[in-house]
Amino acid sequence: MPTEPSNLYRVSRGLLLLAIVCCDSRDFIAAHQSATAPEEAIGRAAANESKLKAAERDFFYRQEILVQTFGEANSVSMQLHRVSEMTYDGAGNRTEKIISYPPSPLSVPLGVLQPDFKSLLGVDQFFLSAEPLASYSIKFASRQKIDELNTYVFDLEPLEQKNTPKREKGDHLFKGKVWIDDQDFQIVKLEGKAVTAKDESHRFPKFECYRENVESGVWLPTLVYARDVLDLKRVDLPIKIEIKYTGYKRIKPRK
């Protein structure tokens, strides 16, 4: 029957076109993934960190900090809870408005009167800018998908240096991993801890920090979580830290 060869031809031709499309798609994805080398990705992310640090000051947001220590049977022994809003006053000065901050006995053992990301975790929120990059040994670990994001994963470890670059008070180097998205080339996740000297009294927990796309091309922290045991001089202190950043709203125009 004449219809059978005709149908067979159409099916075969359709399968051939499908195979070509699939091959082209795989080639396109592979080309896209290899278009930016890991070395370039970490360099672009470091350049973006300085921009993000400046951009953060242009936003209103609420910051909620919860710090808890634990005693017997994993019960909460002490707690610090602080809620504030980052905004601008009438004169245009950046200011922090305290919403709630009950007195807490934790301020003394932590050595922190005004708790924030840096004082609790030992590193700046945007620590991996271009200048400090030279202080790290950086190794590309893998490519990994986080939700809908395709990311580069890097292992960071401080280099041993005879002449350590001068840092601001409270700043420490970081040891851990960073995840960088392959579109905006910004850090979307951190996991690790601040590195302290042996003779230093402060100790900091291992933490995870997640950032979200609050505006096109702007990824800012939304959640920080730590659960660890701090090795203090006189006691081991089980601790949990949770910081939430919500309600991001741009106040100053984008430059």
C-alpha atoms as a PDB file:
ATOM      1  CA  MET A   1       0.000   0.000   0.000  1.00  0.00           C
ATOM      2  CA  PRO A   2       1.411   3.404  -0.933  1.00  0.00           C
ATOM      3  CA  THR A   3       0.503   5.046   2.374  1.00  0.00           C
ATOM      4  CA  GLU A   4       2.764   2.820   4.509  1.00  0.00           C
ATOM      5  CA  PRO A   5       6.141   3.892   2.985  1.00  0.00           C
ATOM      6  CA  SER A   6       4.955   7.508   3.112  1.00  0.00           C
ATOM      7  CA  ASN A   7       4.098   7.256   6.825  1.00  0.00           C
ATOM      8  CA  LEU A   8       7.377   5.461   7.532  1.00  0.00           C
ATOM      9  CA  TYR A   9       9.273   8.232   5.737  1.00  0.00           C
ATOM     10  CA  ARG A  10       7.518  10.927   7.779  1.00  0.00           C
ATOM     11  CA  VAL A  11       8.228   9.098  11.080  1.00  0.00           C
ATOM     12  CA  SER A  12      11.890   8.530  10.167  1.00  0.00           C
ATOM     13  CA  ARG A  13      12.305  12.158   9.101  1.00  0.00           C
ATOM     14  CA  GLY A  14      10.662  13.320  12.343  1.00  0.00           C
ATOM     15  CA  LEU A  15      12.978  11.162  14.453  1.00  0.00           C
ATOM     16  CA  LEU A  16      15.992  12.479  12.559  1.00  0.00           C
ATOM     17  CA  LEU A  17      14.950  16.103  13.137  1.00  0.00           C
ATOM     18  CA  LEU A  18      14.344  15.346  16.839  1.00  0.00           C
ATOM     19  CA  ALA A  19      17.818  13.831  17.145  1.00  0.00           C
ATOM     20  CA  ILE A  20      19.353  16.889  15.488  1.00  0.00           C
ATOM     21  CA  VAL A  21      17.476  19.241  17.826  1.00  0.00           C
ATOM     22  CA  CYS A  22      18.539  17.218  20.893  1.00  0.00           C
ATOM     23  CA  CYS A  23      22.176  17.213  19.800  1.00  0.00           C
ATOM     24  CA  ASP A  24      22.032  20.949  19.155  1.00  0.00           C
ATOM     25  CA  SER A  25      20.438  21.523  22.565  1.00  0.00           C
ATOM     26  CA  ARG A  26      23.145  19.490  24.310  1.00  0.00           C
ATOM     27  CA  ASP A  27      25.822  21.363  22.415  1.00  0.00           C
ATOM     28  CA  PHE A  28      24.215  24.687  23.351  1.00  0.00           C
ATOM     29  CA  ILE A  29      23.994  23.775  27.055  1.00  0.00           C
ATOM     30  CA  ALA A  30      27.596  22.522  27.078  1.00  0.00           C
ATOM     31  CA  ALA A  31      28.777  25.665  25.317  1.00  0.00           C
ATOM     32  CA  HIS A  32      26.835  27.847  27.739  1.00  0.00           C
ATOM     33  CA  GLN A  33      28.243  26.052  30.780  1.00  0.00           C
ATOM     34  CA  SER A  34      31.818  26.290  29.545  1.00  0.00           C
ATOM     35  CA  ALA A  35      31.507  29.871  28.317  1.00  0.00           C
ATOM     36  CA  THR A  36      32.696  31.277  31.663  1.00  0.00           C
ATOM     37  CA  ALA A  37      35.691  29.604  33.250  1.00  0.00           C
ATOM     38  CA  PRO A  38      35.623  29.125  37.053  1.00  0.00           C
ATOM     39  CA  GLU A  39      38.571  31.513  37.425  1.00  0.00           C
ATOM     40  CA  GLU A  40      36.596  34.244  35.680  1.00  0.00           C
ATOM     41  CA  ALA A  41      33.458  33.457  37.695  1.00  0.00           C
ATOM     42  CA  ILE A  42      35.173  33.936  41.075  1.00  0.00           C
ATOM     43  CA  GLY A  43      36.841  37.124  39.827  1.00  0.00           C
ATOM     44  CA  ARG A  44      33.538  38.601  38.668  1.00  0.00           C
ATOM     45  CA  ALA A  45      31.850  37.617  41.939  1.00  0.00           C
ATOM     46  CA  ALA A  46      34.598  39.331  43.952  1.00  0.00           C
ATOM     47  CA  ALA A  47      34.186  42.499  41.903  1.00  0.00           C
ATOM     48  CA  ASN A  48      30.436  42.375  42.548  1.00  0.00           C
ATOM     49  CA  GLU A  49      30.858  42.049  46.338  1.00  0.00           C
ATOM     50  CA  SER A  50      32.056  45.652  46.674  1.00  0.00           C
ATOM     51  CA  LYS A  51      29.086  46.811  44.606  1.00  0.00           C
ATOM     52  CA  LEU A  52      26.678  44.788  46.753  1.00  0.00           C
ATOM     53  CA  LYS A  53      28.126  46.210  49.956  1.00  0.00           C
ATOM     54  CA  ALA A  54      27.416  49.695  48.626  1.00  0.00           C
ATOM     55  CA  ALA A  55      23.974  48.688  47.285  1.00  0.00           C
ATOM     56  CA  GLU A  56      22.890  47.266  50.665  1.00  0.00           C
ATOM     57  CA  ARG A  57      22.987  50.786  52.112  1.00  0.00           C
ATOM     58  CA  ASP A  58      20.372  51.906  49.594  1.00  0.00           C
ATOM     59  CA  PHE A  59      17.726  49.532  50.978  1.00  0.00           C
ATOM     60  CA  PHE A  60      15.336  49.553  53.892  1.00  0.00           C
ATOM     61  CA  TYR A  61      15.008  46.156  55.574  1.00  0.00           C
ATOM     62  CA  ARG A  62      14.206  44.516  58.892  1.00  0.00           C
ATOM     63  CA  GLN A  63      16.818  42.467  60.735  1.00  0.00           C
ATOM     64  CA  GLU A  64      15.817  39.919  63.369  1.00  0.00           C
ATOM     65  CA  ILE A  65      18.563  38.271  65.432  1.00  0.00           C
ATOM     66  CA  LEU A  66      17.993  35.292  67.703  1.00  0.00           C
ATOM     67  CA  VAL A  67      20.862  33.800  69.716  1.00  0.00           C
ATOM     68  CA  GLN A  68      20.296  30.891  72.085  1.00  0.00           C
ATOM     69  CA  THR A  69      22.589  28.790  74.279  1.00  0.00           C
ATOM     70  CA  PHE A  70      21.709  25.351  75.601  1.00  0.00           C
ATOM     71  CA  GLY A  71      22.112  23.467  78.863  1.00  0.00           C
ATOM     72  CA  GLU A  72      21.063  20.082  80.110  1.00  0.00           C
ATOM     73  CA  ALA A  73      18.631  18.060  78.016  1.00  0.00           C
ATOM     74  CA  ASN A  74      19.184  20.565  75.202  1.00  0.00           C
ATOM     75  CA  SER A  75      17.042  23.155  76.997  1.00  0.00           C
ATOM     76  CA  VAL A  76      17.519  26.860  76.268  1.00  0.00           C
ATOM     77  CA  SER A  77      19.671  28.372  79.024  1.00  0.00           C
ATOM     78  CA  MET A  78      20.055  31.956  77.733  1.00  0.00           C
ATOM     79  CA  GLN A  79      18.578  33.932  74.884  1.00  0.00           C
ATOM     80  CA  LEU A  80      19.233  37.173  73.049  1.00  0.00           C
ATOM     81  CA  HIS A  81      16.561  38.545  70.721  1.00  0.00           C
ATOM     82  CA  ARG A  82      16.978  41.790  68.809  1.00  0.00           C
ATOM     83  CA  VAL A  83      14.770  43.282  66.095  1.00  0.00           C
ATOM     84  CA  SER A  84      15.754  46.403  64.192  1.00  0.00           C
ATOM     85  CA  GLU A  85      15.183  48.233  60.918  1.00  0.00           C
ATOM     86  CA  MET A  86      17.884  49.658  58.680  1.00  0.00           C
ATOM     87  CA  THR A  87      16.679  52.938  57.215  1.00  0.00           C
ATOM     88  CA  TYR A  88      17.508  56.646  56.858  1.00  0.00           C
ATOM     89  CA  ASP A  89      16.660  59.518  59.170  1.00  0.00           C
ATOM     90  CA  GLY A  90      15.221  62.883  58.138  1.00  0.00           C
ATOM     91  CA  ALA A  91      18.700  64.268  57.455  1.00  0.00           C
ATOM     92  CA  GLY A  92      19.479  61.421  55.054  1.00  0.00           C
ATOM     93  CA  ASN A  93      21.844  59.559  57.383  1.00  0.00           C
ATOM     94  CA  ARG A  94      21.897  55.766  57.475  1.00  0.00           C
ATOM     95  CA  THR A  95      20.498  54.653  60.818  1.00  0.00           C
ATOM     96  CA  GLU A  96      19.368  51.545  62.651  1.00  0.00           C
ATOM     97  CA  LYS A  97      16.029  51.813  64.438  1.00  0.00           C
ATOM     98  CA  ILE A  98      15.717  49.375  67.345  1.00  0.00           C
ATOM     99  CA  ILE A  99      12.253  47.785  67.425  1.00  0.00           C
ATOM    100  CA  SER A 100      12.849  45.305  70.257  1.00  0.00           C
ATOM    101  CA  TYR A 101      15.927  44.437  72.311  1.00  0.00           C
ATOM    102  CA  PRO A 102      15.198  43.097  75.831  1.00  0.00           C
ATOM    103  CA  PRO A 103      18.226  42.916  78.182  1.00  0.00           C
ATOM    104  CA  SER A 104      20.071  39.613  77.859  1.00  0.00           C
ATOM    105  CA  PRO A 105      22.767  37.932  79.985  1.00  0.00           C
ATOM    106  CA  LEU A 106      24.265  36.601  76.735  1.00  0.00           C
ATOM    107  CA  SER A 107      25.811  39.973  75.922  1.00  0.00           C
ATOM    108  CA  VAL A 108      28.610  39.363  78.453  1.00  0.00           C
ATOM    109  CA  PRO A 109      29.836  35.854  77.450  1.00  0.00           C
ATOM    110  CA  LEU A 110      29.563  36.773  73.776  1.00  0.00           C
ATOM    111  CA  GLY A 111      31.332  40.086  74.341  1.00  0.00           C
ATOM    112  CA  VAL A 112      28.774  41.760  72.083  1.00  0.00           C
ATOM    113  CA  LEU A 113      26.696  44.814  72.989  1.00  0.00           C
ATOM    114  CA  GLN A 114      25.306  45.535  69.520  1.00  0.00           C
ATOM    115  CA  PRO A 115      24.954  42.132  67.830  1.00  0.00           C
ATOM    116  CA  ASP A 116      25.052  41.911  64.038  1.00  0.00           C
ATOM    117  CA  PHE A 117      26.380  39.596  61.337  1.00  0.00           C
ATOM    118  CA  LYS A 118      30.016  40.627  61.795  1.00  0.00           C
ATOM    119  CA  SER A 119      30.146  40.659  65.598  1.00  0.00           C
ATOM    120  CA  LEU A 120      28.409  37.265  65.898  1.00  0.00           C
ATOM    121  CA  LEU A 121      30.078  35.446  63.004  1.00  0.00           C
ATOM    122  CA  GLY A 122      33.461  37.173  62.734  1.00  0.00           C
ATOM    123  CA  VAL A 123      33.386  38.118  59.057  1.00  0.00           C
ATOM    124  CA  ASP A 124      31.832  40.909  57.049  1.00  0.00           C
ATOM    125  CA  GLN A 125      28.686  40.092  55.081  1.00  0.00           C
ATOM    126  CA  PHE A 126      30.509  40.947  51.851  1.00  0.00           C
ATOM    127  CA  PHE A 127      34.020  39.807  52.807  1.00  0.00           C
ATOM    128  CA  LEU A 128      35.108  38.334  49.463  1.00  0.00           C
ATOM    129  CA  SER A 129      35.764  41.529  47.524  1.00  0.00           C
ATOM    130  CA  ALA A 130      38.599  41.909  45.030  1.00  0.00           C
ATOM    131  CA  GLU A 131      41.284  43.086  47.473  1.00  0.00           C
ATOM    132  CA  PRO A 132      40.989  40.250  50.069  1.00  0.00           C
ATOM    133  CA  LEU A 133      40.857  37.658  47.266  1.00  0.00           C
ATOM    134  CA  ALA A 134      44.664  37.442  47.294  1.00  0.00           C
ATOM    135  CA  SER A 135      44.542  36.253  50.927  1.00  0.00           C
ATOM    136  CA  TYR A 136      42.856  32.974  49.952  1.00  0.00           C
ATOM    137  CA  SER A 137      43.641  29.653  48.384  1.00  0.00           C
ATOM    138  CA  ILE A 138      40.650  29.131  46.095  1.00  0.00           C
ATOM    139  CA  LYS A 139      39.805  25.802  44.483  1.00  0.00           C
ATOM    140  CA  PHE A 140      36.966  25.153  42.090  1.00  0.00           C
ATOM    141  CA  ALA A 141      35.009  22.195  43.526  1.00  0.00           C
ATOM    142  CA  SER A 142      32.096  21.582  41.148  1.00  0.00           C
ATOM    143  CA  ARG A 143      29.030  22.944  39.420  1.00  0.00           C
ATOM    144  CA  GLN A 144      25.866  22.469  41.433  1.00  0.00           C
ATOM    145  CA  LYS A 145      22.185  23.237  41.018  1.00  0.00           C
ATOM    146  CA  ILE A 146      20.464  25.014  43.928  1.00  0.00           C
ATOM    147  CA  ASP A 147      16.718  25.167  43.325  1.00  0.00           C
ATOM    148  CA  GLU A 148      16.559  26.791  39.873  1.00  0.00           C
ATOM    149  CA  LEU A 149      20.085  28.248  40.007  1.00  0.00           C
ATOM    150  CA  ASN A 150      23.125  26.840  38.274  1.00  0.00           C
ATOM    151  CA  THR A 151      26.134  27.621  40.439  1.00  0.00           C
ATOM    152  CA  TYR A 152      29.896  27.332  40.692  1.00  0.00           C
ATOM    153  CA  VAL A 153      31.111  25.942  44.028  1.00  0.00           C
ATOM    154  CA  PHE A 154      34.490  27.015  45.404  1.00  0.00           C
ATOM    155  CA  ASP A 155      36.504  25.956  48.455  1.00  0.00           C
ATOM    156  CA  LEU A 156      38.181  28.848  50.274  1.00  0.00           C
ATOM    157  CA  GLU A 157      41.030  28.629  52.758  1.00  0.00           C
ATOM    158  CA  PRO A 158      43.266  31.427  54.081  1.00  0.00           C
ATOM    159  CA  LEU A 159      46.812  31.434  52.763  1.00  0.00           C
ATOM    160  CA  GLU A 160      49.699  31.400  55.200  1.00  0.00           C
ATOM    161  CA  GLN A 161      51.196  34.857  54.908  1.00  0.00           C
ATOM    162  CA  LYS A 162      54.210  36.397  56.605  1.00  0.00           C
ATOM    163  CA  ASN A 163      52.784  39.888  56.256  1.00  0.00           C
ATOM    164  CA  THR A 164      49.052  39.648  56.901  1.00  0.00           C
ATOM    165  CA  PRO A 165      47.106  42.488  55.247  1.00  0.00           C
ATOM    166  CA  LYS A 166      45.658  44.942  57.754  1.00  0.00           C
ATOM    167  CA  ARG A 167      41.947  44.385  58.402  1.00  0.00           C
ATOM    168  CA  GLU A 168      39.278  46.314  60.224  1.00  0.00           C
ATOM    169  CA  LYS A 169      38.663  45.528  63.881  1.00  0.00           C
ATOM    170  CA  GLY A 170      36.596  42.362  64.217  1.00  0.00           C
ATOM    171  CA  ASP A 171      37.387  41.187  60.694  1.00  0.00           C
ATOM    172  CA  HIS A 172      38.635  37.639  60.197  1.00  0.00           C
ATOM    173  CA  LEU A 173      39.425  35.483  57.225  1.00  0.00           C
ATOM    174  CA  PHE A 174      36.910  32.827  56.188  1.00  0.00           C
ATOM    175  CA  LYS A 175      37.303  29.097  55.658  1.00  0.00           C
ATOM    176  CA  GLY A 176      34.564  27.229  53.828  1.00  0.00           C
ATOM    177  CA  LYS A 177      32.581  27.161  50.597  1.00  0.00           C
ATOM    178  CA  VAL A 178      30.864  29.747  48.404  1.00  0.00           C
ATOM    179  CA  TRP A 179      28.235  29.195  45.720  1.00  0.00           C
ATOM    180  CA  ILE A 180      28.173  31.655  42.790  1.00  0.00           C
ATOM    181  CA  ASP A 181      25.308  31.795  40.295  1.00  0.00           C
ATOM    182  CA  ASP A 182      26.205  31.591  36.610  1.00  0.00           C
ATOM    183  CA  GLN A 183      24.012  34.508  35.464  1.00  0.00           C
ATOM    184  CA  ASP A 184      24.693  37.505  37.729  1.00  0.00           C
ATOM    185  CA  PHE A 185      27.974  36.057  39.071  1.00  0.00           C
ATOM    186  CA  GLN A 186      27.103  36.847  42.662  1.00  0.00           C
ATOM    187  CA  ILE A 187      27.441  34.773  45.811  1.00  0.00           C
ATOM    188  CA  VAL A 188      24.115  33.102  46.627  1.00  0.00           C
ATOM    189  CA  LYS A 189      25.275  30.873  49.495  1.00  0.00           C
ATOM    190  CA  LEU A 190      28.101  30.730  52.049  1.00  0.00           C
ATOM    191  CA  GLU A 191      29.028  27.885  54.369  1.00  0.00           C
ATOM    192  CA  GLY A 192      31.979  27.987  56.749  1.00  0.00           C
ATOM    193  CA  LYS A 193      33.398  29.946  59.663  1.00  0.00           C
ATOM    194  CA  ALA A 194      35.729  32.761  60.654  1.00  0.00           C
ATOM    195  CA  VAL A 195      39.336  31.753  61.296  1.00  0.00           C
ATOM    196  CA  THR A 196      40.653  32.979  64.654  1.00  0.00           C
ATOM    197  CA  ALA A 197      44.184  33.072  66.080  1.00  0.00           C
ATOM    198  CA  LYS A 198      45.098  30.698  68.916  1.00  0.00           C
ATOM    199  CA  ASP A 199      45.647  33.573  71.336  1.00  0.00           C
ATOM    200  CA  GLU A 200      42.356  35.238  70.451  1.00  0.00           C
ATOM    201  CA  SER A 201      39.597  35.059  73.064  1.00  0.00           C
ATOM    202  CA  HIS A 202      36.668  35.228  70.634  1.00  0.00           C
ATOM    203  CA  ARG A 203      35.348  32.111  68.953  1.00  0.00           C
ATOM    204  CA  PHE A 204      32.784  31.970  66.187  1.00  0.00           C
ATOM    205  CA  PRO A 205      30.411  29.219  64.989  1.00  0.00           C
ATOM    206  CA  LYS A 206      30.232  27.540  61.626  1.00  0.00           C
ATOM    207  CA  PHE A 207      27.339  29.104  59.718  1.00  0.00           C
ATOM    208  CA  GLU A 208      25.325  29.053  56.523  1.00  0.00           C
ATOM    209  CA  CYS A 209      24.176  32.222  54.786  1.00  0.00           C
ATOM    210  CA  TYR A 210      21.633  32.361  51.976  1.00  0.00           C
ATOM    211  CA  ARG A 211      21.050  35.313  49.661  1.00  0.00           C
ATOM    212  CA  GLU A 212      18.061  36.103  47.481  1.00  0.00           C
ATOM    213  CA  ASN A 213      17.511  38.186  44.383  1.00  0.00           C
ATOM    214  CA  VAL A 214      15.833  41.245  45.969  1.00  0.00           C
ATOM    215  CA  GLU A 215      16.123  43.265  42.766  1.00  0.00           C
ATOM    216  CA  SER A 216      17.415  42.627  39.269  1.00  0.00           C
ATOM    217  CA  GLY A 217      21.133  41.946  39.611  1.00  0.00           C
ATOM    218  CA  VAL A 218      21.158  42.427  43.410  1.00  0.00           C
ATOM    219  CA  TRP A 219      21.521  39.413  45.733  1.00  0.00           C
ATOM    220  CA  LEU A 220      21.384  40.252  49.453  1.00  0.00           C
ATOM    221  CA  PRO A 221      21.322  38.072  52.602  1.00  0.00           C
ATOM    222  CA  THR A 222      17.943  36.798  53.758  1.00  0.00           C
ATOM    223  CA  LEU A 223      18.831  34.008  56.202  1.00  0.00           C
ATOM    224  CA  VAL A 224      21.820  33.095  58.357  1.00  0.00           C
ATOM    225  CA  TYR A 225      21.851  29.946  60.470  1.00  0.00           C
ATOM    226  CA  ALA A 226      24.451  28.504  62.833  1.00  0.00           C
ATOM    227  CA  ARG A 227      24.327  25.602  65.303  1.00  0.00           C
ATOM    228  CA  ASP A 228      27.684  24.827  66.866  1.00  0.00           C
ATOM    229  CA  VAL A 229      29.675  24.521  70.103  1.00  0.00           C
ATOM    230  CA  LEU A 230      32.003  27.415  70.910  1.00  0.00           C
ATOM    231  CA  ASP A 231      35.297  26.391  72.511  1.00  0.00           C
ATOM    232  CA  LEU A 232      35.647  29.195  75.054  1.00  0.00           C
ATOM    233  CA  LYS A 233      38.396  29.398  77.676  1.00  0.00           C
ATOM    234  CA  ARG A 234      36.363  28.132  80.616  1.00  0.00           C
ATOM    235  CA  VAL A 235      33.464  26.314  78.998  1.00  0.00           C
ATOM    236  CA  ASP A 236      32.151  24.706  75.832  1.00  0.00           C
ATOM    237  CA  LEU A 237      29.086  26.714  74.827  1.00  0.00           C
ATOM    238  CA  PRO A 238      26.410  25.075  72.632  1.00  0.00           C
ATOM    239  CA  ILE A 239      24.908  27.904  70.605  1.00  0.00           C
ATOM    240  CA  LYS A 240      22.377  28.629  67.890  1.00  0.00           C
ATOM    241  CA  ILE A 241      22.284  31.829  65.855  1.00  0.00           C
ATOM    242  CA  GLU A 242      19.559  32.781  63.424  1.00  0.00           C
ATOM    243  CA  ILE A 243      19.439  36.072  61.533  1.00  0.00           C
ATOM    244  CA  LYS A 244      16.571  36.936  59.211  1.00  0.00           C
ATOM    245  CA  TYR A 245      16.516  39.853  56.783  1.00  0.00           C
ATOM    246  CA  THR A 246      13.085  40.747  55.428  1.00  0.00           C
ATOM    247  CA  GLY A 247      11.185  43.512  53.661  1.00  0.00           C
ATOM    248  CA  TYR A 248      13.922  44.778  51.381  1.00  0.00           C
ATOM    249  CA  LYS A 249      12.785  48.006  49.755  1.00  0.00           C
ATOM    250  CA  ARG A 250      14.982  50.397  47.810  1.00  0.00           C
ATOM    251  CA  ILE A 251      15.109  53.878  49.332  1.00  0.00           C
ATOM    252  CA  LYS A 252      17.803  55.525  47.260  1.00  0.00           C
ATOM    253  CA  PRO A 253      17.704  55.481  43.448  1.00  0.00           C
ATOM    254  CA  ARG A 254      19.858  52.962  41.663  1.00  0.00           C
ATOM    255  CA  LYS A 255      23.117  54.503  40.462  1.00  0.00           C
END
